[in-house]
Every structure is written in structure tokens, then in C-alpha cells.
Amino acid sequence: MGFLEKIKNGLARTKKSMAVSLNNLFASFTGENEEFFDELEETLILADAGVDTATEAVERLRKLTKERGLRGGAEVQAAFVEIMAGYLTFEEMDLRLNTRPSVILMVGVNGVGKTTTIGKLARRYRDAGKKVLLAAADTFRAAAAEQLTIWAERAGVDIVRHEEGSDPAAVVYDAIAAAKARKTDLIIVDTAGRLHNKQNLMNELSKIRRIISRELPDADVETLLVIDATTGQNGLLQARSFRDAADLSGVVLTKLDGTAKGGIVFSIARELELPVKFIGVGEQPDDLLPFEPRTFAEALLR
């Protein structure tokens, strides 16, 4: 199954709620009509695109329709897809993993699918020919290391872990030492999803980053925030806390196949000003897909 087919299948619940409304709406377009733009805005809000994003997108479409003299619904819909894809497009869409080793720090609250995502990423990069090592630096959650070990075994990659309650930074230090000795290409670090407050989170991530900077000063480091798409705007609130506490480089949006409100993708990209790097559209390892803004917008909005 190709990327477009996977996207369409994964977005089936959102498309079912959005596509009919959108296609009927654009088919009915007969020129400048405030009722048309109001209905479009409402459709976006109901799909969890967020009030601010919906309002801005519709206003931009209204102006573009006038500037280009658009008449037919198909032309207006194409312009709409262009606008929405623009919210998802950033200069740096691909992960920067050119050094040996490179590091991916995975952050996010418990229950968003972080451990599963790490396992899928490990499998993906192992299949691409990279030697991967997992660092079980979530030492606060009971059984976190055990779960990550299961995923390491499934993916066929190495793992470094300590006892529960040990210092996460020490796990990262040992993982880096092991990666150097084993000539590892990529270290993926699992971090705690629940600390007492934002300051604790910031302190813990800062310690881990200091270890990485000291031991791997020239390494490419990506910090990816995992968000559960089914939590909608609540997920966005969580994301703001992590954005403020961590030097994020991108977002992984999981469980898109489980929500009828896939418009959250637009809200996240616009309001967090962060690129979506991967999306999860199923349970299988190959259901974690690199994000393609234009393809996503086309699949969802046409």
C-alpha cells in the first residue's frame, strides 16, 4: 500500500465527517457568499482545526478568491488546499540525522503512544540500514524500561537500561558510551512522561541535554514531541508545556486513525510553529509515516 492510500485509510474517520461537508460546500459555491465562508469556518472548527486557525484560513481564502477572481468551486477548493498545506509546510521537514551517532529525544505525557512510537522508529531506521540503540531514560514510570525492552526485541535493536528510579541522565551517559563502542548510527532516548511540574521537566531534560552536548558535541539532535491526536485541543495544551520546557524540533502525531477530528494537525503546526515529522495511522510498524504536508492536505480536504 502506497503512502497516499495509507493516509486516506488512516484518515477515514475524519474524511467521513469532513469530506462530504466540504465537497458539498465547494460544489455549491457560486461566487462571494458570506454563508459559504461561515459554513467553511464551522466545518474546520468541528474538525478540531482550532478557532484561530479556522478564522485565519477562511479570511485568507476570502482574499485569495477576490485577488484571483476565482469563480468555480473546484478553483476555490484548490486554493483552500493550498492555504491549509501552507500551515503544515516548514523549511526543515526531514529529521537531521547525519552524524554518527545522531540522537532523537522523545518527549510527551504518558499514554500518548511514546513507547510504541519509539519502537516503530527503531524498526524504521533499522530497516533503512542504521544501527540503532534505545536508551530507557524514563526511569520514573513503573515497567517503562520493560516495555521499551520488548519493543527493542521486536525491532531487533540494542537497548541500555538501569533500575527503576535511577538517574535518567546516567542512562543517557551509558547509552552514549555504548553507542560509541558499538559504532551505533542512532540513539533514541525515551524520557519521562510525568514529572511533578514544568520546572522538574525542564531540569531533567536540561541534564540530559548537557550530557549529550558534552559527550557528543557535534551530534545531530532531534527533540520530538509525541501527541495523541484523539485528545484534540487538550493535546495542544500539553504540547505548549513541553514546547516551553524543551527545545523541540518537531511533532509526532499518533492515533490519527482513531479520531474523526484530524483537523488538529493544522492547529498544532500553526499554533506551536513546529513541523509535524511523523504521523501514526495504525498499529503496524509501517503505519508510522513521514509527514508530507501537501499529500496530507489533499487526502483530507478533497
C-alpha atoms as a PDB file:
ATOM      1  CA  MET A   1       0.000   0.000   0.000  1.00  0.00           C
ATOM      2  CA  GLY A   2       1.389   3.397  -1.015  1.00  0.00           C
ATOM      3  CA  PHE A   3       1.732   6.500   1.122  1.00  0.00           C
ATOM      4  CA  LEU A   4      -1.412   8.178  -0.255  1.00  0.00           C
ATOM      5  CA  GLU A   5      -3.521   5.065   0.280  1.00  0.00           C
ATOM      6  CA  LYS A   6      -2.245   4.703   3.851  1.00  0.00           C
ATOM      7  CA  ILE A   7      -3.025   8.346   4.543  1.00  0.00           C
ATOM      8  CA  LYS A   8      -6.533   8.045   3.111  1.00  0.00           C
ATOM      9  CA  ASN A   9      -7.236   4.865   5.069  1.00  0.00           C
ATOM     10  CA  GLY A  10      -5.807   6.341   8.248  1.00  0.00           C
ATOM     11  CA  LEU A  11      -7.895   9.475   7.884  1.00  0.00           C
ATOM     12  CA  ALA A  12     -11.100   7.611   7.053  1.00  0.00           C
ATOM     13  CA  ARG A  13     -12.930   8.717  10.214  1.00  0.00           C
ATOM     14  CA  THR A  14     -12.024  12.371   9.706  1.00  0.00           C
ATOM     15  CA  LYS A  15     -12.825  12.246   5.984  1.00  0.00           C
ATOM     16  CA  LYS A  16     -16.209  10.714   6.723  1.00  0.00           C
ATOM     17  CA  SER A  17     -17.088  13.698   8.877  1.00  0.00           C
ATOM     18  CA  MET A  18     -15.387  16.367   6.773  1.00  0.00           C
ATOM     19  CA  ALA A  19     -15.225  15.331   3.128  1.00  0.00           C
ATOM     20  CA  VAL A  20     -18.959  15.211   2.416  1.00  0.00           C
ATOM     21  CA  SER A  21     -19.491  18.600   4.039  1.00  0.00           C
ATOM     22  CA  LEU A  22     -16.544  20.165   2.229  1.00  0.00           C
ATOM     23  CA  ASN A  23     -17.277  18.700  -1.181  1.00  0.00           C
ATOM     24  CA  ASN A  24     -20.932  19.697  -0.997  1.00  0.00           C
ATOM     25  CA  LEU A  25     -19.941  23.138   0.215  1.00  0.00           C
ATOM     26  CA  PHE A  26     -17.446  23.795  -2.582  1.00  0.00           C
ATOM     27  CA  ALA A  27     -19.809  22.316  -5.173  1.00  0.00           C
ATOM     28  CA  SER A  28     -22.391  24.892  -4.109  1.00  0.00           C
ATOM     29  CA  PHE A  29     -20.000  27.843  -4.465  1.00  0.00           C
ATOM     30  CA  THR A  30     -21.485  30.454  -6.808  1.00  0.00           C
ATOM     31  CA  GLY A  31     -19.387  33.481  -6.015  1.00  0.00           C
ATOM     32  CA  GLU A  32     -18.807  35.663  -2.976  1.00  0.00           C
ATOM     33  CA  ASN A  33     -21.224  34.474  -0.339  1.00  0.00           C
ATOM     34  CA  GLU A  34     -20.780  35.054   3.391  1.00  0.00           C
ATOM     35  CA  GLU A  35     -22.873  31.999   4.198  1.00  0.00           C
ATOM     36  CA  PHE A  36     -20.371  29.832   2.278  1.00  0.00           C
ATOM     37  CA  PHE A  37     -17.405  31.172   4.239  1.00  0.00           C
ATOM     38  CA  ASP A  38     -19.263  30.880   7.552  1.00  0.00           C
ATOM     39  CA  GLU A  39     -20.077  27.214   6.854  1.00  0.00           C
ATOM     40  CA  LEU A  40     -16.475  26.523   5.872  1.00  0.00           C
ATOM     41  CA  GLU A  41     -15.219  28.060   9.105  1.00  0.00           C
ATOM     42  CA  GLU A  42     -17.690  25.995  11.133  1.00  0.00           C
ATOM     43  CA  THR A  43     -16.601  22.785   9.373  1.00  0.00           C
ATOM     44  CA  LEU A  44     -12.960  23.465  10.241  1.00  0.00           C
ATOM     45  CA  ILE A  45     -13.763  24.191  13.873  1.00  0.00           C
ATOM     46  CA  LEU A  46     -15.808  20.999  14.187  1.00  0.00           C
ATOM     47  CA  ALA A  47     -12.820  19.070  12.776  1.00  0.00           C
ATOM     48  CA  ASP A  48     -10.672  20.477  15.626  1.00  0.00           C
ATOM     49  CA  ALA A  49      -8.593  22.788  13.462  1.00  0.00           C
ATOM     50  CA  GLY A  50      -8.997  25.402  16.195  1.00  0.00           C
ATOM     51  CA  VAL A  51     -10.935  28.671  16.151  1.00  0.00           C
ATOM     52  CA  ASP A  52      -7.933  30.884  15.379  1.00  0.00           C
ATOM     53  CA  THR A  53      -6.692  28.647  12.572  1.00  0.00           C
ATOM     54  CA  ALA A  54     -10.170  28.306  11.067  1.00  0.00           C
ATOM     55  CA  THR A  55     -10.837  32.049  11.191  1.00  0.00           C
ATOM     56  CA  GLU A  56      -7.484  32.935   9.647  1.00  0.00           C
ATOM     57  CA  ALA A  57      -7.691  30.262   6.930  1.00  0.00           C
ATOM     58  CA  VAL A  58     -11.162  31.345   5.830  1.00  0.00           C
ATOM     59  CA  GLU A  59     -10.162  35.007   5.768  1.00  0.00           C
ATOM     60  CA  ARG A  60      -7.144  34.143   3.609  1.00  0.00           C
ATOM     61  CA  LEU A  61      -9.373  32.142   1.263  1.00  0.00           C
ATOM     62  CA  ARG A  62     -11.812  35.041   1.022  1.00  0.00           C
ATOM     63  CA  LYS A  63      -8.990  37.398  -0.016  1.00  0.00           C
ATOM     64  CA  LEU A  64      -7.444  34.886  -2.402  1.00  0.00           C
ATOM     65  CA  THR A  65     -10.794  34.306  -4.070  1.00  0.00           C
ATOM     66  CA  LYS A  66     -11.086  38.037  -4.773  1.00  0.00           C
ATOM     67  CA  GLU A  67      -7.454  38.520  -5.834  1.00  0.00           C
ATOM     68  CA  ARG A  68      -7.502  35.636  -8.307  1.00  0.00           C
ATOM     69  CA  GLY A  69     -11.063  36.168  -9.451  1.00  0.00           C
ATOM     70  CA  LEU A  70     -11.962  32.571  -8.657  1.00  0.00           C
ATOM     71  CA  ARG A  71     -15.407  31.557  -9.867  1.00  0.00           C
ATOM     72  CA  GLY A  72     -15.844  27.800  -9.739  1.00  0.00           C
ATOM     73  CA  GLY A  73     -15.989  25.631  -6.640  1.00  0.00           C
ATOM     74  CA  ALA A  74     -13.109  23.454  -7.858  1.00  0.00           C
ATOM     75  CA  GLU A  75     -10.847  26.506  -8.146  1.00  0.00           C
ATOM     76  CA  VAL A  76     -11.777  27.700  -4.684  1.00  0.00           C
ATOM     77  CA  GLN A  77     -11.248  24.247  -3.196  1.00  0.00           C
ATOM     78  CA  ALA A  78      -7.790  24.034  -4.805  1.00  0.00           C
ATOM     79  CA  ALA A  79      -6.917  27.409  -3.277  1.00  0.00           C
ATOM     80  CA  PHE A  80      -8.200  26.206   0.094  1.00  0.00           C
ATOM     81  CA  VAL A  81      -5.989  23.088  -0.036  1.00  0.00           C
ATOM     82  CA  GLU A  82      -3.039  25.338  -0.913  1.00  0.00           C
ATOM     83  CA  ILE A  83      -3.689  27.536   2.131  1.00  0.00           C
ATOM     84  CA  MET A  84      -4.088  24.616   4.522  1.00  0.00           C
ATOM     85  CA  ALA A  85      -0.991  22.832   3.201  1.00  0.00           C
ATOM     86  CA  GLY A  86       0.908  26.055   3.832  1.00  0.00           C
ATOM     87  CA  TYR A  87       0.223  25.789   7.563  1.00  0.00           C
ATOM     88  CA  LEU A  88       1.902  22.376   7.547  1.00  0.00           C
ATOM     89  CA  THR A  89       4.961  23.286   5.487  1.00  0.00           C
ATOM     90  CA  PHE A  90       8.229  24.256   7.160  1.00  0.00           C
ATOM     91  CA  GLU A  91      11.747  24.726   5.869  1.00  0.00           C
ATOM     92  CA  GLU A  92      13.030  21.740   7.873  1.00  0.00           C
ATOM     93  CA  MET A  93      10.640  18.832   7.352  1.00  0.00           C
ATOM     94  CA  ASP A  94      13.118  15.941   7.417  1.00  0.00           C
ATOM     95  CA  LEU A  95      14.976  14.778  10.508  1.00  0.00           C
ATOM     96  CA  ARG A  96      18.637  15.842  10.643  1.00  0.00           C
ATOM     97  CA  LEU A  97      20.424  12.592  11.426  1.00  0.00           C
ATOM     98  CA  ASN A  98      23.675  12.906   9.535  1.00  0.00           C
ATOM     99  CA  THR A  99      26.207  12.351  12.316  1.00  0.00           C
ATOM    100  CA  ARG A 100      27.325   9.059  13.804  1.00  0.00           C
ATOM    101  CA  PRO A 101      25.775   8.742  16.238  1.00  0.00           C
ATOM    102  CA  SER A 102      22.783  11.034  15.942  1.00  0.00           C
ATOM    103  CA  VAL A 103      20.237  11.373  18.755  1.00  0.00           C
ATOM    104  CA  ILE A 104      16.448  11.529  18.887  1.00  0.00           C
ATOM    105  CA  LEU A 105      14.986  12.659  22.226  1.00  0.00           C
ATOM    106  CA  MET A 106      11.361  11.568  22.572  1.00  0.00           C
ATOM    107  CA  VAL A 107       9.159  13.590  24.921  1.00  0.00           C
ATOM    108  CA  GLY A 108       5.446  13.600  25.760  1.00  0.00           C
ATOM    109  CA  VAL A 109       2.984  12.795  28.517  1.00  0.00           C
ATOM    110  CA  ASN A 110       2.225   9.208  29.494  1.00  0.00           C
ATOM    111  CA  GLY A 111      -0.355   7.420  27.393  1.00  0.00           C
ATOM    112  CA  VAL A 112       0.207   9.198  24.073  1.00  0.00           C
ATOM    113  CA  GLY A 113       1.945   6.229  22.447  1.00  0.00           C
ATOM    114  CA  LYS A 114       5.512   7.385  23.019  1.00  0.00           C
ATOM    115  CA  THR A 115       6.986   3.934  23.683  1.00  0.00           C
ATOM    116  CA  THR A 116       5.175   2.430  20.703  1.00  0.00           C
ATOM    117  CA  THR A 117       6.392   5.283  18.506  1.00  0.00           C
ATOM    118  CA  ILE A 118       9.976   4.708  19.638  1.00  0.00           C
ATOM    119  CA  GLY A 119       9.660   1.039  18.703  1.00  0.00           C
ATOM    120  CA  LYS A 120       8.308   1.907  15.274  1.00  0.00           C
ATOM    121  CA  LEU A 121      11.049   4.482  14.681  1.00  0.00           C
ATOM    122  CA  ALA A 122      13.687   1.960  15.748  1.00  0.00           C
ATOM    123  CA  ARG A 123      12.304  -0.575  13.302  1.00  0.00           C
ATOM    124  CA  ARG A 124      12.107   2.020  10.542  1.00  0.00           C
ATOM    125  CA  TYR A 125      15.710   3.113  10.861  1.00  0.00           C
ATOM    126  CA  ARG A 126      16.992  -0.404  11.385  1.00  0.00           C
ATOM    127  CA  ASP A 127      15.265  -1.430   8.136  1.00  0.00           C
ATOM    128  CA  ALA A 128      16.939   1.557   6.490  1.00  0.00           C
ATOM    129  CA  GLY A 129      20.315   0.059   7.401  1.00  0.00           C
ATOM    130  CA  LYS A 130      21.113   2.071  10.511  1.00  0.00           C
ATOM    131  CA  LYS A 131      22.444   0.564  13.717  1.00  0.00           C
ATOM    132  CA  VAL A 132      20.029   1.744  16.418  1.00  0.00           C
ATOM    133  CA  LEU A 133      20.262   1.825  20.206  1.00  0.00           C
ATOM    134  CA  LEU A 134      17.445   2.681  22.615  1.00  0.00           C
ATOM    135  CA  ALA A 135      18.062   4.490  25.916  1.00  0.00           C
ATOM    136  CA  ALA A 136      15.435   3.752  28.586  1.00  0.00           C
ATOM    137  CA  ALA A 137      15.679   7.128  30.355  1.00  0.00           C
ATOM    138  CA  ASP A 138      12.092   7.073  31.619  1.00  0.00           C
ATOM    139  CA  THR A 139      13.125   5.636  34.968  1.00  0.00           C
ATOM    140  CA  PHE A 140      10.142   7.052  36.881  1.00  0.00           C
ATOM    141  CA  ARG A 141       7.277   5.088  35.358  1.00  0.00           C
ATOM    142  CA  ALA A 142       6.895   1.534  36.563  1.00  0.00           C
ATOM    143  CA  ALA A 143       7.636  -1.024  33.819  1.00  0.00           C
ATOM    144  CA  ALA A 144       8.679   1.657  31.310  1.00  0.00           C
ATOM    145  CA  ALA A 145      12.057   0.000  30.724  1.00  0.00           C
ATOM    146  CA  GLU A 146      10.425  -3.421  30.419  1.00  0.00           C
ATOM    147  CA  GLN A 147       8.027  -2.154  27.760  1.00  0.00           C
ATOM    148  CA  LEU A 148      10.834  -0.493  25.858  1.00  0.00           C
ATOM    149  CA  THR A 149      12.864  -3.708  26.041  1.00  0.00           C
ATOM    150  CA  ILE A 150      10.000  -5.593  24.383  1.00  0.00           C
ATOM    151  CA  TRP A 151       9.988  -3.067  21.560  1.00  0.00           C
ATOM    152  CA  ALA A 152      13.772  -3.272  21.234  1.00  0.00           C
ATOM    153  CA  GLU A 153      13.491  -7.037  20.816  1.00  0.00           C
ATOM    154  CA  ARG A 154      10.711  -6.666  18.242  1.00  0.00           C
ATOM    155  CA  ALA A 155      12.724  -4.136  16.276  1.00  0.00           C
ATOM    156  CA  GLY A 156      15.954  -6.093  16.605  1.00  0.00           C
ATOM    157  CA  VAL A 157      17.932  -3.228  18.156  1.00  0.00           C
ATOM    158  CA  ASP A 158      20.071  -2.759  21.276  1.00  0.00           C
ATOM    159  CA  ILE A 159      18.890  -1.125  24.499  1.00  0.00           C
ATOM    160  CA  VAL A 160      20.582   0.432  27.543  1.00  0.00           C
ATOM    161  CA  ARG A 161      18.550   0.476  30.766  1.00  0.00           C
ATOM    162  CA  HIS A 162      19.051   0.946  34.501  1.00  0.00           C
ATOM    163  CA  GLU A 163      16.957   0.062  37.511  1.00  0.00           C
ATOM    164  CA  GLU A 164      13.681   1.870  38.126  1.00  0.00           C
ATOM    165  CA  GLY A 165      14.204   5.179  39.940  1.00  0.00           C
ATOM    166  CA  SER A 166      17.789   5.661  38.777  1.00  0.00           C
ATOM    167  CA  ASP A 167      19.122   8.883  37.273  1.00  0.00           C
ATOM    168  CA  PRO A 168      17.844   9.324  33.670  1.00  0.00           C
ATOM    169  CA  ALA A 169      20.940  11.328  32.739  1.00  0.00           C
ATOM    170  CA  ALA A 170      23.112   8.392  33.825  1.00  0.00           C
ATOM    171  CA  VAL A 171      21.187   6.119  31.454  1.00  0.00           C
ATOM    172  CA  VAL A 172      21.844   8.538  28.607  1.00  0.00           C
ATOM    173  CA  TYR A 173      25.531   8.754  29.525  1.00  0.00           C
ATOM    174  CA  ASP A 174      25.867   4.960  29.428  1.00  0.00           C
ATOM    175  CA  ALA A 175      23.897   4.766  26.186  1.00  0.00           C
ATOM    176  CA  ILE A 176      26.252   7.241  24.534  1.00  0.00           C
ATOM    177  CA  ALA A 177      29.289   5.270  25.756  1.00  0.00           C
ATOM    178  CA  ALA A 178      27.753   2.070  24.388  1.00  0.00           C
ATOM    179  CA  ALA A 179      26.907   3.756  21.079  1.00  0.00           C
ATOM    180  CA  LYS A 180      30.484   4.937  20.649  1.00  0.00           C
ATOM    181  CA  ALA A 181      31.871   1.486  21.433  1.00  0.00           C
ATOM    182  CA  ARG A 182      29.416  -0.283  19.100  1.00  0.00           C
ATOM    183  CA  LYS A 183      29.654   2.294  16.290  1.00  0.00           C
ATOM    184  CA  THR A 184      25.930   2.969  16.530  1.00  0.00           C
ATOM    185  CA  ASP A 185      24.284   5.278  13.998  1.00  0.00           C
ATOM    186  CA  LEU A 186      21.283   6.416  16.020  1.00  0.00           C
ATOM    187  CA  ILE A 187      20.375   6.691  19.714  1.00  0.00           C
ATOM    188  CA  ILE A 188      16.668   7.060  20.518  1.00  0.00           C
ATOM    189  CA  VAL A 189      16.054   8.276  24.070  1.00  0.00           C
ATOM    190  CA  ASP A 190      12.804   7.647  25.935  1.00  0.00           C
ATOM    191  CA  THR A 191      12.193  10.368  28.555  1.00  0.00           C
ATOM    192  CA  ALA A 192       9.785  10.659  31.491  1.00  0.00           C
ATOM    193  CA  GLY A 193       6.212  11.499  30.592  1.00  0.00           C
ATOM    194  CA  ARG A 194       5.169  12.620  34.040  1.00  0.00           C
ATOM    195  CA  LEU A 195       7.181  14.828  36.371  1.00  0.00           C
ATOM    196  CA  HIS A 196       5.841  16.894  39.243  1.00  0.00           C
ATOM    197  CA  ASN A 197       5.839  20.225  37.448  1.00  0.00           C
ATOM    198  CA  LYS A 198       7.217  22.091  34.438  1.00  0.00           C
ATOM    199  CA  GLN A 199      10.370  23.106  36.306  1.00  0.00           C
ATOM    200  CA  ASN A 200      11.199  19.464  37.082  1.00  0.00           C
ATOM    201  CA  LEU A 201      10.601  18.605  33.449  1.00  0.00           C
ATOM    202  CA  MET A 202      12.855  21.411  32.296  1.00  0.00           C
ATOM    203  CA  ASN A 203      15.592  20.450  34.764  1.00  0.00           C
ATOM    204  CA  GLU A 204      15.505  16.782  33.760  1.00  0.00           C
ATOM    205  CA  LEU A 205      15.626  17.500  30.043  1.00  0.00           C
ATOM    206  CA  SER A 206      18.365  20.076  30.596  1.00  0.00           C
ATOM    207  CA  LYS A 207      20.502  17.492  32.410  1.00  0.00           C
ATOM    208  CA  ILE A 208      20.043  15.028  29.577  1.00  0.00           C
ATOM    209  CA  ARG A 209      20.890  17.670  27.001  1.00  0.00           C
ATOM    210  CA  ARG A 210      24.035  18.684  28.895  1.00  0.00           C
ATOM    211  CA  ILE A 211      25.222  15.071  28.850  1.00  0.00           C
ATOM    212  CA  ILE A 212      24.595  14.840  25.107  1.00  0.00           C
ATOM    213  CA  SER A 213      26.296  18.177  24.410  1.00  0.00           C
ATOM    214  CA  ARG A 214      29.329  17.210  26.485  1.00  0.00           C
ATOM    215  CA  GLU A 215      29.717  13.668  25.187  1.00  0.00           C
ATOM    216  CA  LEU A 216      28.552  14.253  21.603  1.00  0.00           C
ATOM    217  CA  PRO A 217      29.255  17.952  20.946  1.00  0.00           C
ATOM    218  CA  ASP A 218      28.920  17.676  17.166  1.00  0.00           C
ATOM    219  CA  ALA A 219      25.972  15.283  17.018  1.00  0.00           C
ATOM    220  CA  ASP A 220      22.696  15.991  15.258  1.00  0.00           C
ATOM    221  CA  VAL A 221      19.972  16.025  17.934  1.00  0.00           C
ATOM    222  CA  GLU A 222      16.222  15.996  17.261  1.00  0.00           C
ATOM    223  CA  THR A 223      13.701  16.501  20.070  1.00  0.00           C
ATOM    224  CA  LEU A 224      10.304  15.148  19.060  1.00  0.00           C
ATOM    225  CA  LEU A 225       7.087  15.717  20.980  1.00  0.00           C
ATOM    226  CA  VAL A 226       4.575  12.860  20.767  1.00  0.00           C
ATOM    227  CA  ILE A 227       0.924  13.960  20.811  1.00  0.00           C
ATOM    228  CA  ASP A 228      -2.177  11.760  20.829  1.00  0.00           C
ATOM    229  CA  ALA A 229      -4.483  13.079  18.082  1.00  0.00           C
ATOM    230  CA  THR A 230      -7.575  11.769  19.865  1.00  0.00           C
ATOM    231  CA  THR A 231      -7.060  14.227  22.730  1.00  0.00           C
ATOM    232  CA  GLY A 232      -7.699  17.162  20.392  1.00  0.00           C
ATOM    233  CA  GLN A 233      -7.260  20.618  21.871  1.00  0.00           C
ATOM    234  CA  ASN A 234      -6.250  19.107  25.236  1.00  0.00           C
ATOM    235  CA  GLY A 235      -3.235  17.656  23.473  1.00  0.00           C
ATOM    236  CA  LEU A 236      -2.402  21.123  22.255  1.00  0.00           C
ATOM    237  CA  LEU A 237      -2.405  22.427  25.830  1.00  0.00           C
ATOM    238  CA  GLN A 238       0.000  19.654  26.870  1.00  0.00           C
ATOM    239  CA  ALA A 239       2.169  20.449  23.882  1.00  0.00           C
ATOM    240  CA  ARG A 240       2.587  24.070  24.922  1.00  0.00           C
ATOM    241  CA  SER A 241       4.058  22.973  28.260  1.00  0.00           C
ATOM    242  CA  PHE A 242       6.632  20.779  26.561  1.00  0.00           C
ATOM    243  CA  ARG A 243       7.419  23.444  23.998  1.00  0.00           C
ATOM    244  CA  ASP A 244       8.192  25.856  26.822  1.00  0.00           C
ATOM    245  CA  ALA A 245      10.311  23.289  28.681  1.00  0.00           C
ATOM    246  CA  ALA A 246      12.180  21.643  25.809  1.00  0.00           C
ATOM    247  CA  ASP A 247      13.949  22.758  22.676  1.00  0.00           C
ATOM    248  CA  LEU A 248      11.549  20.946  20.362  1.00  0.00           C
ATOM    249  CA  SER A 249      12.340  20.350  16.706  1.00  0.00           C
ATOM    250  CA  GLY A 250       9.145  18.617  15.664  1.00  0.00           C
ATOM    251  CA  VAL A 251       5.988  16.682  16.476  1.00  0.00           C
ATOM    252  CA  VAL A 252       4.896  13.072  16.057  1.00  0.00           C
ATOM    253  CA  LEU A 253       1.114  12.823  15.951  1.00  0.00           C
ATOM    254  CA  THR A 254      -0.190   9.387  16.925  1.00  0.00           C
ATOM    255  CA  LYS A 255      -3.598   7.662  16.642  1.00  0.00           C
ATOM    256  CA  LEU A 256      -4.846   9.758  13.725  1.00  0.00           C
ATOM    257  CA  ASP A 257      -6.796   6.710  12.590  1.00  0.00           C
ATOM    258  CA  GLY A 258      -8.714   6.795  15.870  1.00  0.00           C
ATOM    259  CA  THR A 259     -10.161  10.292  15.586  1.00  0.00           C
ATOM    260  CA  ALA A 260     -12.834  11.981  13.497  1.00  0.00           C
ATOM    261  CA  LYS A 261     -11.115  15.327  14.156  1.00  0.00           C
ATOM    262  CA  GLY A 262      -7.895  15.168  12.156  1.00  0.00           C
ATOM    263  CA  GLY A 263      -8.011  18.935  11.743  1.00  0.00           C
ATOM    264  CA  ILE A 264      -5.935  19.063  14.940  1.00  0.00           C
ATOM    265  CA  VAL A 265      -2.873  18.658  12.696  1.00  0.00           C
ATOM    266  CA  PHE A 266      -3.360  22.160  11.306  1.00  0.00           C
ATOM    267  CA  SER A 267      -3.882  23.645  14.751  1.00  0.00           C
ATOM    268  CA  ILE A 268      -0.735  22.011  16.137  1.00  0.00           C
ATOM    269  CA  ALA A 269       1.500  23.110  13.270  1.00  0.00           C
ATOM    270  CA  ARG A 270       0.208  26.679  13.220  1.00  0.00           C
ATOM    271  CA  GLU A 271      -0.060  27.374  16.944  1.00  0.00           C
ATOM    272  CA  LEU A 272       3.107  25.562  18.051  1.00  0.00           C
ATOM    273  CA  GLU A 273       5.045  26.735  14.979  1.00  0.00           C
ATOM    274  CA  LEU A 274       6.558  23.257  14.751  1.00  0.00           C
ATOM    275  CA  PRO A 275       6.645  20.829  11.835  1.00  0.00           C
ATOM    276  CA  VAL A 276       4.857  17.507  12.080  1.00  0.00           C
ATOM    277  CA  LYS A 277       7.584  14.954  11.307  1.00  0.00           C
ATOM    278  CA  PHE A 278       5.632  11.682  11.512  1.00  0.00           C
ATOM    279  CA  ILE A 279       2.024  10.598  11.836  1.00  0.00           C
ATOM    280  CA  GLY A 280       0.647   7.334  13.187  1.00  0.00           C
ATOM    281  CA  VAL A 281      -2.277   5.868  11.233  1.00  0.00           C
ATOM    282  CA  GLY A 282      -2.414   2.310  12.598  1.00  0.00           C
ATOM    283  CA  GLU A 283      -0.867  -0.344  14.796  1.00  0.00           C
ATOM    284  CA  GLN A 284       1.625  -1.889  12.377  1.00  0.00           C
ATOM    285  CA  PRO A 285       5.291  -0.787  12.324  1.00  0.00           C
ATOM    286  CA  ASP A 286       4.911   0.668   8.825  1.00  0.00           C
ATOM    287  CA  ASP A 287       1.861   2.686   9.905  1.00  0.00           C
ATOM    288  CA  LEU A 288       4.185   5.390  11.256  1.00  0.00           C
ATOM    289  CA  LEU A 289       4.589   7.597   8.193  1.00  0.00           C
ATOM    290  CA  PRO A 290       6.921  10.507   7.407  1.00  0.00           C
ATOM    291  CA  PHE A 291       4.702  13.551   7.098  1.00  0.00           C
ATOM    292  CA  GLU A 292       4.086  15.067   3.665  1.00  0.00           C
ATOM    293  CA  PRO A 293       2.107  18.325   4.023  1.00  0.00           C
ATOM    294  CA  ARG A 294       0.670  18.595   0.521  1.00  0.00           C
ATOM    295  CA  THR A 295      -0.293  14.923   0.317  1.00  0.00           C
ATOM    296  CA  PHE A 296      -1.926  15.114   3.742  1.00  0.00           C
ATOM    297  CA  ALA A 297      -3.934  18.233   2.866  1.00  0.00           C
ATOM    298  CA  GLU A 298      -5.045  16.736  -0.454  1.00  0.00           C
ATOM    299  CA  ALA A 299      -6.069  13.444   1.169  1.00  0.00           C
ATOM    300  CA  LEU A 300      -8.046  15.142   3.927  1.00  0.00           C
ATOM    301  CA  LEU A 301      -9.647  18.079   2.161  1.00  0.00           C
ATOM    302  CA  ARG A 302     -10.667  16.723  -1.268  1.00  0.00           C
END
